[in-house]
N, C-alpha and C. Protein backbone atom coordinates (compact mmCIF):
# COMPACT_ATOMS: atom_id res chain seq x y z
N MET A 1 -8.33 -7.50 -5.67
CA MET A 1 -7.45 -6.66 -4.90
C MET A 1 -6.94 -7.47 -3.71
N TYR A 2 -5.69 -7.33 -3.45
CA TYR A 2 -5.05 -8.02 -2.33
C TYR A 2 -4.75 -7.01 -1.24
N THR A 3 -5.05 -7.38 -0.02
CA THR A 3 -4.88 -6.46 1.10
C THR A 3 -3.93 -7.05 2.12
N ILE A 4 -3.33 -6.15 2.89
CA ILE A 4 -2.47 -6.57 3.99
C ILE A 4 -2.84 -5.74 5.21
N THR A 5 -2.55 -6.29 6.36
CA THR A 5 -2.87 -5.60 7.61
C THR A 5 -1.96 -4.40 7.81
N GLU A 6 -2.36 -3.55 8.72
CA GLU A 6 -1.54 -2.39 9.06
C GLU A 6 -0.17 -2.84 9.57
N ALA A 7 -0.15 -3.86 10.40
CA ALA A 7 1.13 -4.36 10.93
C ALA A 7 2.02 -4.89 9.81
N ALA A 8 1.44 -5.61 8.86
CA ALA A 8 2.22 -6.14 7.74
C ALA A 8 2.73 -5.01 6.84
N ALA A 9 1.89 -4.00 6.61
CA ALA A 9 2.30 -2.86 5.80
C ALA A 9 3.44 -2.11 6.48
N ALA A 10 3.31 -1.90 7.78
CA ALA A 10 4.36 -1.21 8.54
C ALA A 10 5.66 -2.00 8.50
N ALA A 11 5.56 -3.31 8.66
CA ALA A 11 6.76 -4.16 8.62
C ALA A 11 7.41 -4.11 7.24
N MET A 12 6.60 -4.11 6.18
CA MET A 12 7.12 -4.04 4.82
C MET A 12 7.93 -2.75 4.62
N LEU A 13 7.45 -1.66 5.25
CA LEU A 13 8.10 -0.37 5.08
C LEU A 13 9.13 -0.08 6.17
N SER A 14 9.26 -0.97 7.13
CA SER A 14 10.19 -0.81 8.26
C SER A 14 9.90 0.45 9.07
N VAL A 15 8.62 0.67 9.32
CA VAL A 15 8.19 1.80 10.16
C VAL A 15 7.16 1.28 11.15
N PRO A 16 6.95 1.99 12.26
CA PRO A 16 5.89 1.58 13.18
C PRO A 16 4.52 1.88 12.56
N PRO A 17 3.48 1.16 12.94
CA PRO A 17 2.14 1.41 12.40
C PRO A 17 1.69 2.87 12.58
N SER A 18 2.11 3.50 13.66
CA SER A 18 1.71 4.90 13.88
C SER A 18 2.23 5.81 12.78
N THR A 19 3.36 5.44 12.17
CA THR A 19 3.90 6.25 11.08
C THR A 19 2.98 6.21 9.86
N LEU A 20 2.36 5.08 9.59
CA LEU A 20 1.41 5.00 8.47
C LEU A 20 0.25 5.96 8.71
N ARG A 21 -0.24 6.00 9.94
CA ARG A 21 -1.35 6.90 10.27
C ARG A 21 -0.90 8.37 10.17
N GLU A 22 0.34 8.63 10.58
CA GLU A 22 0.87 9.99 10.49
C GLU A 22 0.99 10.43 9.04
N TRP A 23 1.50 9.55 8.17
CA TRP A 23 1.62 9.89 6.75
C TRP A 23 0.24 10.11 6.14
N GLU A 24 -0.73 9.31 6.53
CA GLU A 24 -2.08 9.50 6.01
C GLU A 24 -2.60 10.88 6.40
N ALA A 25 -2.41 11.26 7.66
CA ALA A 25 -2.88 12.57 8.12
C ALA A 25 -2.13 13.71 7.44
N ARG A 26 -0.84 13.53 7.26
CA ARG A 26 0.00 14.60 6.72
C ARG A 26 -0.06 14.71 5.20
N PHE A 27 -0.02 13.56 4.52
CA PHE A 27 0.08 13.55 3.06
C PHE A 27 -1.17 13.00 2.36
N GLY A 28 -2.09 12.43 3.13
CA GLY A 28 -3.27 11.82 2.52
C GLY A 28 -2.98 10.47 1.87
N TYR A 29 -1.85 9.88 2.22
CA TYR A 29 -1.43 8.61 1.62
C TYR A 29 -0.47 7.93 2.57
N PRO A 30 -0.50 6.66 2.73
CA PRO A 30 -1.45 5.71 2.16
C PRO A 30 -2.77 5.74 2.91
N LYS A 31 -3.84 5.54 2.18
CA LYS A 31 -5.16 5.50 2.79
C LYS A 31 -5.55 4.05 3.04
N PRO A 32 -5.98 3.75 4.26
CA PRO A 32 -6.45 2.39 4.51
C PRO A 32 -7.76 2.16 3.78
N LEU A 33 -8.00 0.93 3.43
CA LEU A 33 -9.24 0.58 2.73
C LEU A 33 -10.43 0.62 3.67
N ASN A 34 -10.17 0.45 4.95
CA ASN A 34 -11.24 0.46 5.95
C ASN A 34 -10.74 1.18 7.20
N PRO A 35 -10.80 2.52 7.21
CA PRO A 35 -10.30 3.25 8.37
C PRO A 35 -10.97 2.76 9.66
N GLY A 36 -10.22 2.68 10.70
CA GLY A 36 -10.75 2.23 11.98
C GLY A 36 -9.77 1.31 12.67
N GLU A 37 -10.29 0.43 13.48
CA GLU A 37 -9.44 -0.46 14.28
C GLU A 37 -8.58 -1.39 13.45
N ASP A 38 -9.18 -2.14 12.56
CA ASP A 38 -8.46 -3.14 11.77
C ASP A 38 -8.15 -2.60 10.38
N ARG A 39 -7.20 -1.71 10.31
CA ARG A 39 -6.88 -1.06 9.03
C ARG A 39 -6.24 -2.06 8.08
N MET A 40 -6.71 -2.06 6.85
CA MET A 40 -6.16 -2.90 5.80
C MET A 40 -5.70 -1.97 4.68
N TYR A 41 -4.60 -2.34 4.06
CA TYR A 41 -4.02 -1.53 2.99
C TYR A 41 -3.92 -2.35 1.71
N ASP A 42 -4.00 -1.64 0.58
CA ASP A 42 -3.83 -2.27 -0.72
C ASP A 42 -2.36 -2.68 -0.85
N GLN A 43 -2.15 -3.93 -1.14
CA GLN A 43 -0.79 -4.45 -1.20
C GLN A 43 0.03 -3.79 -2.30
N ASP A 44 -0.58 -3.50 -3.45
CA ASP A 44 0.15 -2.86 -4.54
C ASP A 44 0.61 -1.46 -4.14
N GLU A 45 -0.23 -0.73 -3.40
CA GLU A 45 0.17 0.60 -2.94
C GLU A 45 1.35 0.52 -1.98
N MET A 46 1.32 -0.46 -1.09
CA MET A 46 2.42 -0.61 -0.13
C MET A 46 3.71 -1.01 -0.85
N HIS A 47 3.58 -1.86 -1.86
CA HIS A 47 4.76 -2.26 -2.63
C HIS A 47 5.35 -1.05 -3.36
N ALA A 48 4.50 -0.22 -3.97
CA ALA A 48 4.98 0.97 -4.68
C ALA A 48 5.65 1.94 -3.71
N LEU A 49 5.07 2.11 -2.53
CA LEU A 49 5.65 3.00 -1.54
C LEU A 49 6.99 2.45 -1.05
N HIS A 50 7.07 1.15 -0.85
CA HIS A 50 8.33 0.52 -0.43
C HIS A 50 9.42 0.77 -1.46
N GLU A 51 9.11 0.56 -2.73
CA GLU A 51 10.10 0.78 -3.79
C GLU A 51 10.56 2.22 -3.82
N ALA A 52 9.62 3.16 -3.67
CA ALA A 52 9.96 4.58 -3.69
C ALA A 52 10.84 4.95 -2.50
N LEU A 53 10.51 4.42 -1.32
CA LEU A 53 11.32 4.71 -0.13
C LEU A 53 12.72 4.11 -0.26
N CYS A 54 12.83 2.96 -0.91
CA CYS A 54 14.14 2.33 -1.10
C CYS A 54 15.00 3.10 -2.09
N SER A 55 14.40 3.98 -2.86
CA SER A 55 15.14 4.79 -3.82
C SER A 55 15.78 6.00 -3.15
N ALA A 56 15.75 6.01 -1.81
CA ALA A 56 16.37 7.07 -1.01
C ALA A 56 15.73 8.44 -1.26
N LEU A 57 14.44 8.42 -1.52
CA LEU A 57 13.72 9.67 -1.69
C LEU A 57 13.25 10.18 -0.34
N SER A 58 12.93 11.45 -0.25
CA SER A 58 12.30 11.95 0.96
C SER A 58 10.92 11.29 1.07
N VAL A 59 10.36 11.31 2.24
CA VAL A 59 9.05 10.68 2.43
C VAL A 59 8.02 11.31 1.51
N SER A 60 7.99 12.63 1.43
CA SER A 60 6.99 13.28 0.58
C SER A 60 7.19 12.94 -0.89
N SER A 61 8.43 12.86 -1.35
CA SER A 61 8.71 12.48 -2.74
C SER A 61 8.35 11.02 -2.99
N ALA A 62 8.66 10.17 -2.02
CA ALA A 62 8.34 8.75 -2.15
C ALA A 62 6.83 8.54 -2.22
N ILE A 63 6.09 9.26 -1.41
CA ILE A 63 4.63 9.14 -1.42
C ILE A 63 4.07 9.63 -2.75
N ALA A 64 4.59 10.73 -3.27
CA ALA A 64 4.14 11.23 -4.57
C ALA A 64 4.42 10.20 -5.66
N ARG A 65 5.61 9.59 -5.63
CA ARG A 65 5.95 8.58 -6.63
C ARG A 65 5.07 7.34 -6.48
N ALA A 66 4.88 6.89 -5.26
CA ALA A 66 4.07 5.69 -5.02
C ALA A 66 2.62 5.93 -5.41
N ARG A 67 2.09 7.09 -5.10
CA ARG A 67 0.72 7.42 -5.47
C ARG A 67 0.56 7.35 -6.98
N GLY A 68 1.50 7.91 -7.72
CA GLY A 68 1.44 7.86 -9.18
C GLY A 68 1.60 6.46 -9.70
N SER A 69 2.48 5.69 -9.09
CA SER A 69 2.71 4.31 -9.51
C SER A 69 1.47 3.45 -9.29
N SER A 70 0.83 3.61 -8.14
CA SER A 70 -0.35 2.79 -7.87
C SER A 70 -1.51 3.18 -8.78
N GLU A 71 -1.60 4.47 -9.15
CA GLU A 71 -2.65 4.89 -10.09
C GLU A 71 -2.39 4.29 -11.47
N GLN A 72 -1.13 4.25 -11.89
CA GLN A 72 -0.80 3.64 -13.18
C GLN A 72 -1.10 2.15 -13.16
N HIS A 73 -0.78 1.48 -12.06
CA HIS A 73 -1.05 0.05 -11.94
C HIS A 73 -2.54 -0.21 -12.01
N GLU A 74 -3.32 0.62 -11.34
CA GLU A 74 -4.78 0.44 -11.34
C GLU A 74 -5.34 0.58 -12.75
N LYS A 75 -4.85 1.57 -13.49
CA LYS A 75 -5.32 1.76 -14.87
C LYS A 75 -4.94 0.56 -15.73
N ALA A 76 -3.72 0.07 -15.56
CA ALA A 76 -3.27 -1.09 -16.34
C ALA A 76 -4.09 -2.33 -15.99
N ALA A 77 -4.39 -2.51 -14.71
CA ALA A 77 -5.18 -3.67 -14.29
C ALA A 77 -6.58 -3.59 -14.87
N GLN A 78 -7.14 -2.40 -14.91
CA GLN A 78 -8.48 -2.23 -15.48
C GLN A 78 -8.47 -2.52 -16.97
N ALA A 79 -7.34 -2.26 -17.62
CA ALA A 79 -7.22 -2.53 -19.05
C ALA A 79 -6.84 -4.00 -19.31
N GLY A 80 -6.58 -4.74 -18.22
CA GLY A 80 -6.23 -6.15 -18.37
C GLY A 80 -4.77 -6.40 -18.61
N ASN A 81 -3.93 -5.37 -18.39
CA ASN A 81 -2.50 -5.52 -18.66
C ASN A 81 -1.65 -5.61 -17.41
N GLY A 82 -2.22 -5.47 -16.24
CA GLY A 82 -1.43 -5.42 -15.01
C GLY A 82 -1.28 -6.77 -14.36
N SER A 83 -0.16 -6.96 -13.71
CA SER A 83 0.02 -8.15 -12.88
C SER A 83 -0.07 -7.71 -11.44
N SER A 84 -0.75 -8.46 -10.65
CA SER A 84 -0.92 -8.08 -9.26
C SER A 84 0.32 -8.43 -8.46
N SER A 85 0.46 -7.76 -7.34
CA SER A 85 1.59 -8.07 -6.48
C SER A 85 1.44 -9.47 -5.90
N ALA A 86 0.24 -10.00 -5.88
CA ALA A 86 0.06 -11.36 -5.40
C ALA A 86 0.79 -12.32 -6.34
N GLU A 87 0.77 -12.02 -7.63
CA GLU A 87 1.50 -12.85 -8.57
C GLU A 87 3.00 -12.72 -8.33
N ARG A 88 3.46 -11.50 -7.99
CA ARG A 88 4.88 -11.29 -7.75
C ARG A 88 5.34 -11.93 -6.44
N PHE A 89 4.49 -11.89 -5.42
CA PHE A 89 4.90 -12.33 -4.10
C PHE A 89 4.22 -13.61 -3.65
N HIS A 90 3.34 -14.18 -4.48
CA HIS A 90 2.63 -15.40 -4.13
C HIS A 90 1.87 -15.24 -2.81
N VAL A 91 1.14 -14.15 -2.71
CA VAL A 91 0.39 -13.86 -1.49
C VAL A 91 -1.07 -14.15 -1.75
N SER A 92 -1.72 -14.77 -0.79
CA SER A 92 -3.12 -15.08 -0.97
C SER A 92 -3.98 -13.90 -0.54
N GLU A 93 -5.17 -13.85 -1.09
CA GLU A 93 -6.10 -12.77 -0.76
C GLU A 93 -6.65 -12.99 0.63
N ARG A 94 -6.69 -11.93 1.40
CA ARG A 94 -7.24 -12.00 2.75
C ARG A 94 -8.63 -11.42 2.72
N ARG A 95 -9.57 -12.13 3.26
CA ARG A 95 -10.93 -11.65 3.34
C ARG A 95 -11.27 -11.46 4.81
N GLU A 96 -11.93 -10.35 5.07
CA GLU A 96 -12.29 -10.09 6.46
C GLU A 96 -13.52 -10.89 6.83
N SER A 97 -13.54 -11.37 8.05
CA SER A 97 -14.71 -12.09 8.54
C SER A 97 -15.69 -11.09 9.11
N PRO A 98 -16.99 -11.34 8.94
CA PRO A 98 -17.98 -10.41 9.50
C PRO A 98 -17.92 -10.42 11.01
N ARG A 99 -18.21 -9.30 11.58
CA ARG A 99 -18.19 -9.18 13.04
C ARG A 99 -19.56 -9.11 13.58
């Protein structure tokens, strides 16, 4: 799994980081992988949400579409048929350092 920071996810979606937290509270999506100070998001989920938002959907419709898309991607990856967004974007995996 490839993760991106809250700031990177917000930049990808062209929204402030507070909007990600608002959507999580309002719609339950996107959910950070580690709620708290250093929120990290699944890159595939952010990519799916970006694509849905670019389709000129309302936020709630885009979130519903992205949620379904990321679930389909997860199932395909488990079956060995999915390509990760890291392959699409040549992004390296970020690992958190212990504190």
